[in-house]
Amino acid sequence: MNSFTQLEGVVLQVTSTGDNHSRLALFTAEHALQSVIIRKSRKPGLSAHPDLFDDLECTLKPPTSGSGLPFVREWNVPSKRFFLAQDHRVFSTAADIARLFLDNGNHLLEPEPHYQLLIKSLHALKPGKSCLVHIKTLFVFARTEGLPVKQAWLPELSRETRRHAQYILSTKMADFTQVPDGVDIILKSLQDWLNAETELKC
């Protein structure tokens, strides 16, 4: 763990480590994926503890041992994303996107573009359009890592499926009036290609 004492990021995982503490996995613009330990608050209410998909700002106490995790001394949640839990498919896709960053976010050399992608993707999730966001997120994540998704994956698709995929990837989310045909097929094809042809876990 680096020796920084301030951390800002998006909470992608909350894991209980006992009666009094939780481990938070954050994705940050400066340090990529980081884990910290936070004491469970005994105060009632929704704001008593950082939750999944919250933006979190925290001050850290360095670990006492070289292999330990830093403790959160003070923290603030500038924004929460309650809307992600209001639709099952939206929440499920948000969890899939979180898993993408958890599984592949440890050793990114330049995490800032990925952090911006994460923020943009979570913000774009809307009922009925979550699969589109998932496709775009996977594609841009892979492209940002320098993987030949455009040159190698797209040409493998059938002519009709490739046409739909190109339309999805080139269209802004706000401009979709309806979801194109075959989105589930496109998503699975992209996931299968990335898992088989790259080191990304999708």
C-alpha atoms as a PDB file:
ATOM      1  CA  MET A   1       0.000   0.000   0.000  1.00  0.00           C
ATOM      2  CA  ASN A   2       1.313   3.456  -0.804  1.00  0.00           C
ATOM      3  CA  SER A   3       1.994   5.959   1.975  1.00  0.00           C
ATOM      4  CA  PHE A   4      -0.686   8.479   0.951  1.00  0.00           C
ATOM      5  CA  THR A   5      -3.013   9.703   3.682  1.00  0.00           C
ATOM      6  CA  GLN A   6      -5.872  11.055   1.542  1.00  0.00           C
ATOM      7  CA  LEU A   7      -8.006   8.972  -0.763  1.00  0.00           C
ATOM      8  CA  GLU A   8     -10.978   9.720  -2.988  1.00  0.00           C
ATOM      9  CA  GLY A   9     -12.816   7.132  -5.019  1.00  0.00           C
ATOM     10  CA  VAL A  10     -15.919   5.081  -5.715  1.00  0.00           C
ATOM     11  CA  VAL A  11     -16.832   2.253  -3.337  1.00  0.00           C
ATOM     12  CA  LEU A  12     -17.007  -0.937  -5.407  1.00  0.00           C
ATOM     13  CA  GLN A  13     -17.099  -3.509  -2.625  1.00  0.00           C
ATOM     14  CA  VAL A  14     -17.978  -3.622   1.072  1.00  0.00           C
ATOM     15  CA  THR A  15     -16.882  -6.718   2.999  1.00  0.00           C
ATOM     16  CA  SER A  16     -17.486  -7.284   6.696  1.00  0.00           C
ATOM     17  CA  THR A  17     -14.281  -8.297   8.511  1.00  0.00           C
ATOM     18  CA  GLY A  18     -15.847  -8.804  11.925  1.00  0.00           C
ATOM     19  CA  ASP A  19     -18.275  -7.178  14.310  1.00  0.00           C
ATOM     20  CA  ASN A  20     -16.529  -3.815  14.300  1.00  0.00           C
ATOM     21  CA  HIS A  21     -14.882  -3.293  10.905  1.00  0.00           C
ATOM     22  CA  SER A  22     -15.458  -3.519   7.155  1.00  0.00           C
ATOM     23  CA  ARG A  23     -13.058  -3.591   4.228  1.00  0.00           C
ATOM     24  CA  LEU A  24     -13.847  -1.176   1.425  1.00  0.00           C
ATOM     25  CA  ALA A  25     -12.497  -1.545  -2.099  1.00  0.00           C
ATOM     26  CA  LEU A  26     -12.269   1.832  -3.826  1.00  0.00           C
ATOM     27  CA  PHE A  27     -11.412   2.691  -7.390  1.00  0.00           C
ATOM     28  CA  THR A  28      -9.547   5.984  -7.521  1.00  0.00           C
ATOM     29  CA  ALA A  29      -8.278   8.302 -10.234  1.00  0.00           C
ATOM     30  CA  GLU A  30      -4.748   8.490  -8.810  1.00  0.00           C
ATOM     31  CA  HIS A  31      -4.082   5.068  -7.332  1.00  0.00           C
ATOM     32  CA  ALA A  32      -6.450   2.709  -9.211  1.00  0.00           C
ATOM     33  CA  LEU A  33      -7.896  -0.018  -6.967  1.00  0.00           C
ATOM     34  CA  GLN A  34      -7.236   0.371  -3.245  1.00  0.00           C
ATOM     35  CA  SER A  35      -8.551  -1.307  -0.087  1.00  0.00           C
ATOM     36  CA  VAL A  36      -9.028   0.289   3.317  1.00  0.00           C
ATOM     37  CA  ILE A  37     -10.458  -0.720   6.698  1.00  0.00           C
ATOM     38  CA  ILE A  38     -13.250   1.315   8.267  1.00  0.00           C
ATOM     39  CA  ARG A  39     -14.847   1.006  11.676  1.00  0.00           C
ATOM     40  CA  LYS A  40     -18.542   0.224  11.531  1.00  0.00           C
ATOM     41  CA  SER A  41     -20.592   3.127  12.769  1.00  0.00           C
ATOM     42  CA  ARG A  42     -23.102   2.493  15.518  1.00  0.00           C
ATOM     43  CA  LYS A  43     -25.160   5.493  14.487  1.00  0.00           C
ATOM     44  CA  PRO A  44     -28.480   4.612  12.866  1.00  0.00           C
ATOM     45  CA  GLY A  45     -29.473   5.935   9.459  1.00  0.00           C
ATOM     46  CA  LEU A  46     -28.519   5.681   5.813  1.00  0.00           C
ATOM     47  CA  SER A  47     -25.473   7.944   6.162  1.00  0.00           C
ATOM     48  CA  ALA A  48     -23.967   5.977   9.048  1.00  0.00           C
ATOM     49  CA  HIS A  49     -21.569   4.048   6.820  1.00  0.00           C
ATOM     50  CA  PRO A  50     -20.216   4.314   3.249  1.00  0.00           C
ATOM     51  CA  ASP A  51     -22.210   2.084   0.952  1.00  0.00           C
ATOM     52  CA  LEU A  52     -21.772   0.422  -2.432  1.00  0.00           C
ATOM     53  CA  PHE A  53     -21.289   2.892  -5.322  1.00  0.00           C
ATOM     54  CA  ASP A  54     -20.871   5.888  -2.985  1.00  0.00           C
ATOM     55  CA  ASP A  55     -18.269   8.529  -3.750  1.00  0.00           C
ATOM     56  CA  LEU A  56     -15.956   8.509  -0.737  1.00  0.00           C
ATOM     57  CA  GLU A  57     -13.389  10.991   0.541  1.00  0.00           C
ATOM     58  CA  CYS A  58     -11.307   9.749   3.454  1.00  0.00           C
ATOM     59  CA  THR A  59      -8.289  10.481   5.620  1.00  0.00           C
ATOM     60  CA  LEU A  60      -6.198   7.406   6.357  1.00  0.00           C
ATOM     61  CA  LYS A  61      -4.108   6.137   9.234  1.00  0.00           C
ATOM     62  CA  PRO A  62      -1.192   4.114   7.836  1.00  0.00           C
ATOM     63  CA  PRO A  63      -1.112   0.416   8.742  1.00  0.00           C
ATOM     64  CA  THR A  64       1.023  -0.608  11.711  1.00  0.00           C
ATOM     65  CA  SER A  65       2.517  -3.484   9.710  1.00  0.00           C
ATOM     66  CA  GLY A  66       3.884  -3.432   6.191  1.00  0.00           C
ATOM     67  CA  SER A  67       1.308  -5.920   4.931  1.00  0.00           C
ATOM     68  CA  GLY A  68      -1.727  -4.416   6.633  1.00  0.00           C
ATOM     69  CA  LEU A  69      -4.375  -2.104   5.242  1.00  0.00           C
ATOM     70  CA  PRO A  70      -4.760   1.534   6.268  1.00  0.00           C
ATOM     71  CA  PHE A  71      -7.595   2.543   8.571  1.00  0.00           C
ATOM     72  CA  VAL A  72     -10.074   5.276   7.713  1.00  0.00           C
ATOM     73  CA  ARG A  73      -9.807   7.992  10.361  1.00  0.00           C
ATOM     74  CA  GLU A  74     -12.274  10.482   8.874  1.00  0.00           C
ATOM     75  CA  TRP A  75     -14.566  10.197   5.903  1.00  0.00           C
ATOM     76  CA  ASN A  76     -17.159  12.027   3.877  1.00  0.00           C
ATOM     77  CA  VAL A  77     -19.636  10.856   1.245  1.00  0.00           C
ATOM     78  CA  PRO A  78     -20.150  13.753  -1.198  1.00  0.00           C
ATOM     79  CA  SER A  79     -22.647  11.836  -3.294  1.00  0.00           C
ATOM     80  CA  LYS A  80     -24.604   8.579  -3.250  1.00  0.00           C
ATOM     81  CA  ARG A  81     -26.148   6.667  -6.140  1.00  0.00           C
ATOM     82  CA  PHE A  82     -29.437   5.460  -4.708  1.00  0.00           C
ATOM     83  CA  PHE A  83     -30.940   5.317  -8.210  1.00  0.00           C
ATOM     84  CA  LEU A  84     -28.850   2.238  -9.045  1.00  0.00           C
ATOM     85  CA  ALA A  85     -30.850   0.154  -6.554  1.00  0.00           C
ATOM     86  CA  GLN A  86     -34.271   1.148  -7.921  1.00  0.00           C
ATOM     87  CA  ASP A  87     -34.181  -1.292 -10.854  1.00  0.00           C
ATOM     88  CA  HIS A  88     -32.936  -4.876 -10.651  1.00  0.00           C
ATOM     89  CA  ARG A  89     -31.328  -4.955 -14.113  1.00  0.00           C
ATOM     90  CA  VAL A  90     -29.643  -1.602 -13.518  1.00  0.00           C
ATOM     91  CA  PHE A  91     -28.229  -2.752 -10.181  1.00  0.00           C
ATOM     92  CA  SER A  92     -27.090  -6.052 -11.681  1.00  0.00           C
ATOM     93  CA  THR A  93     -25.265  -4.235 -14.485  1.00  0.00           C
ATOM     94  CA  ALA A  94     -23.692  -1.819 -11.996  1.00  0.00           C
ATOM     95  CA  ALA A  95     -22.430  -4.845 -10.067  1.00  0.00           C
ATOM     96  CA  ASP A  96     -21.011  -6.351 -13.289  1.00  0.00           C
ATOM     97  CA  ILE A  97     -19.220  -3.085 -14.055  1.00  0.00           C
ATOM     98  CA  ALA A  98     -17.886  -2.964 -10.491  1.00  0.00           C
ATOM     99  CA  ARG A  99     -16.584  -6.516 -10.914  1.00  0.00           C
ATOM    100  CA  LEU A 100     -14.808  -5.484 -14.135  1.00  0.00           C
ATOM    101  CA  PHE A 101     -12.895  -2.821 -12.216  1.00  0.00           C
ATOM    102  CA  LEU A 102     -12.302  -5.056  -9.188  1.00  0.00           C
ATOM    103  CA  ASP A 103     -10.899  -7.887 -11.302  1.00  0.00           C
ATOM    104  CA  ASN A 104      -8.786  -5.715 -13.618  1.00  0.00           C
ATOM    105  CA  GLY A 105      -8.017  -2.547 -11.671  1.00  0.00           C
ATOM    106  CA  ASN A 106      -5.000  -3.512  -9.600  1.00  0.00           C
ATOM    107  CA  HIS A 107      -2.167  -2.732 -11.990  1.00  0.00           C
ATOM    108  CA  LEU A 108      -3.414  -0.021 -14.325  1.00  0.00           C
ATOM    109  CA  LEU A 109      -0.571   2.314 -15.226  1.00  0.00           C
ATOM    110  CA  GLU A 110      -2.870   5.263 -15.955  1.00  0.00           C
ATOM    111  CA  PRO A 111      -6.057   4.869 -13.891  1.00  0.00           C
ATOM    112  CA  GLU A 112      -7.497   8.340 -14.559  1.00  0.00           C
ATOM    113  CA  PRO A 113      -9.232   7.430 -17.883  1.00  0.00           C
ATOM    114  CA  HIS A 114     -10.661   4.284 -16.301  1.00  0.00           C
ATOM    115  CA  TYR A 115     -11.918   6.271 -13.316  1.00  0.00           C
ATOM    116  CA  GLN A 116     -13.680   8.705 -15.644  1.00  0.00           C
ATOM    117  CA  LEU A 117     -15.142   5.727 -17.524  1.00  0.00           C
ATOM    118  CA  LEU A 118     -16.455   4.257 -14.262  1.00  0.00           C
ATOM    119  CA  ILE A 119     -18.134   7.521 -13.243  1.00  0.00           C
ATOM    120  CA  LYS A 120     -19.640   8.003 -16.701  1.00  0.00           C
ATOM    121  CA  SER A 121     -20.883   4.408 -16.880  1.00  0.00           C
ATOM    122  CA  LEU A 122     -22.594   4.448 -13.480  1.00  0.00           C
ATOM    123  CA  HIS A 123     -24.208   7.791 -14.269  1.00  0.00           C
ATOM    124  CA  ALA A 124     -25.506   6.487 -17.616  1.00  0.00           C
ATOM    125  CA  LEU A 125     -27.285   3.427 -16.207  1.00  0.00           C
ATOM    126  CA  LYS A 126     -31.017   3.748 -16.779  1.00  0.00           C
ATOM    127  CA  PRO A 127     -33.850   1.191 -16.836  1.00  0.00           C
ATOM    128  CA  GLY A 128     -34.059  -0.490 -20.225  1.00  0.00           C
ATOM    129  CA  LYS A 129     -30.629   0.708 -21.365  1.00  0.00           C
ATOM    130  CA  SER A 130     -28.256  -0.990 -18.937  1.00  0.00           C
ATOM    131  CA  CYS A 131     -27.049  -3.553 -21.487  1.00  0.00           C
ATOM    132  CA  LEU A 132     -25.996  -0.740 -23.824  1.00  0.00           C
ATOM    133  CA  VAL A 133     -23.925   0.836 -21.049  1.00  0.00           C
ATOM    134  CA  HIS A 134     -22.334  -2.521 -20.274  1.00  0.00           C
ATOM    135  CA  ILE A 135     -21.268  -3.030 -23.899  1.00  0.00           C
ATOM    136  CA  LYS A 136     -19.847   0.492 -24.151  1.00  0.00           C
ATOM    137  CA  THR A 137     -18.003   0.160 -20.844  1.00  0.00           C
ATOM    138  CA  LEU A 138     -16.336  -3.119 -21.789  1.00  0.00           C
ATOM    139  CA  PHE A 139     -15.367  -1.809 -25.217  1.00  0.00           C
ATOM    140  CA  VAL A 140     -13.886   1.468 -23.938  1.00  0.00           C
ATOM    141  CA  PHE A 141     -12.101  -0.235 -21.017  1.00  0.00           C
ATOM    142  CA  ALA A 142     -10.454  -2.662 -23.436  1.00  0.00           C
ATOM    143  CA  ARG A 143      -9.631   0.044 -25.977  1.00  0.00           C
ATOM    144  CA  THR A 144      -8.097   2.216 -23.249  1.00  0.00           C
ATOM    145  CA  GLU A 145      -5.863  -0.729 -22.379  1.00  0.00           C
ATOM    146  CA  GLY A 146      -4.701  -0.839 -25.993  1.00  0.00           C
ATOM    147  CA  LEU A 147      -6.553  -4.020 -26.904  1.00  0.00           C
ATOM    148  CA  PRO A 148      -7.662  -4.429 -30.552  1.00  0.00           C
ATOM    149  CA  VAL A 149     -11.403  -4.681 -29.917  1.00  0.00           C
ATOM    150  CA  LYS A 150     -12.229  -2.618 -32.986  1.00  0.00           C
ATOM    151  CA  GLN A 151      -9.733  -4.322 -35.267  1.00  0.00           C
ATOM    152  CA  ALA A 152     -10.146  -7.932 -34.071  1.00  0.00           C
ATOM    153  CA  TRP A 153     -13.484  -8.396 -32.282  1.00  0.00           C
ATOM    154  CA  LEU A 154     -15.835  -6.400 -34.518  1.00  0.00           C
ATOM    155  CA  PRO A 155     -14.802  -8.121 -37.792  1.00  0.00           C
ATOM    156  CA  GLU A 156     -15.618 -11.510 -36.241  1.00  0.00           C
ATOM    157  CA  LEU A 157     -19.306 -10.594 -35.897  1.00  0.00           C
ATOM    158  CA  SER A 158     -21.869 -11.383 -38.550  1.00  0.00           C
ATOM    159  CA  ARG A 159     -22.685  -8.504 -40.891  1.00  0.00           C
ATOM    160  CA  GLU A 160     -26.009  -7.693 -39.206  1.00  0.00           C
ATOM    161  CA  THR A 161     -24.664  -8.035 -35.667  1.00  0.00           C
ATOM    162  CA  ARG A 162     -21.646  -5.910 -36.546  1.00  0.00           C
ATOM    163  CA  ARG A 163     -23.923  -3.187 -37.887  1.00  0.00           C
ATOM    164  CA  HIS A 164     -25.877  -3.118 -34.620  1.00  0.00           C
ATOM    165  CA  ALA A 165     -22.662  -3.157 -32.567  1.00  0.00           C
ATOM    166  CA  GLN A 166     -21.181  -0.245 -34.512  1.00  0.00           C
ATOM    167  CA  TYR A 167     -24.395   1.717 -34.042  1.00  0.00           C
ATOM    168  CA  ILE A 168     -24.345   1.084 -30.285  1.00  0.00           C
ATOM    169  CA  LEU A 169     -20.707   2.073 -29.930  1.00  0.00           C
ATOM    170  CA  SER A 170     -21.025   5.244 -32.002  1.00  0.00           C
ATOM    171  CA  THR A 171     -24.280   6.580 -30.524  1.00  0.00           C
ATOM    172  CA  LYS A 172     -24.569   8.672 -27.363  1.00  0.00           C
ATOM    173  CA  MET A 173     -26.764   7.195 -24.649  1.00  0.00           C
ATOM    174  CA  ALA A 174     -29.094  10.198 -24.727  1.00  0.00           C
ATOM    175  CA  ASP A 175     -29.750   9.609 -28.428  1.00  0.00           C
ATOM    176  CA  PHE A 176     -31.119   6.068 -28.111  1.00  0.00           C
ATOM    177  CA  THR A 177     -34.870   6.069 -28.675  1.00  0.00           C
ATOM    178  CA  GLN A 178     -34.998   2.277 -28.490  1.00  0.00           C
ATOM    179  CA  VAL A 179     -32.620  -0.563 -27.768  1.00  0.00           C
ATOM    180  CA  PRO A 180     -31.249  -2.149 -30.975  1.00  0.00           C
ATOM    181  CA  ASP A 181     -31.812  -5.819 -31.689  1.00  0.00           C
ATOM    182  CA  GLY A 182     -29.294  -8.365 -30.491  1.00  0.00           C
ATOM    183  CA  VAL A 183     -27.770  -6.452 -27.584  1.00  0.00           C
ATOM    184  CA  ASP A 184     -27.498  -9.568 -25.410  1.00  0.00           C
ATOM    185  CA  ILE A 185     -25.735 -11.423 -28.236  1.00  0.00           C
ATOM    186  CA  ILE A 186     -23.313  -8.522 -28.718  1.00  0.00           C
ATOM    187  CA  LEU A 187     -22.557  -8.314 -25.006  1.00  0.00           C
ATOM    188  CA  LYS A 188     -21.880 -12.032 -24.686  1.00  0.00           C
ATOM    189  CA  SER A 189     -19.732 -12.034 -27.817  1.00  0.00           C
ATOM    190  CA  LEU A 190     -17.612  -9.179 -26.465  1.00  0.00           C
ATOM    191  CA  GLN A 191     -17.251 -10.824 -23.051  1.00  0.00           C
ATOM    192  CA  ASP A 192     -16.305 -14.162 -24.613  1.00  0.00           C
ATOM    193  CA  TRP A 193     -13.735 -12.534 -26.905  1.00  0.00           C
ATOM    194  CA  LEU A 194     -12.124 -10.543 -24.095  1.00  0.00           C
ATOM    195  CA  ASN A 195     -11.957 -13.589 -21.813  1.00  0.00           C
ATOM    196  CA  ALA A 196     -10.501 -15.792 -24.549  1.00  0.00           C
ATOM    197  CA  GLU A 197      -8.181 -13.405 -26.370  1.00  0.00           C
ATOM    198  CA  THR A 198      -6.989 -10.989 -23.655  1.00  0.00           C
ATOM    199  CA  GLU A 199      -5.921 -11.003 -20.019  1.00  0.00           C
ATOM    200  CA  LEU A 200      -9.011  -9.079 -18.946  1.00  0.00           C
ATOM    201  CA  LYS A 201     -11.545 -10.859 -16.757  1.00  0.00           C
ATOM    202  CA  CYS A 202     -15.075 -10.047 -17.858  1.00  0.00           C
END
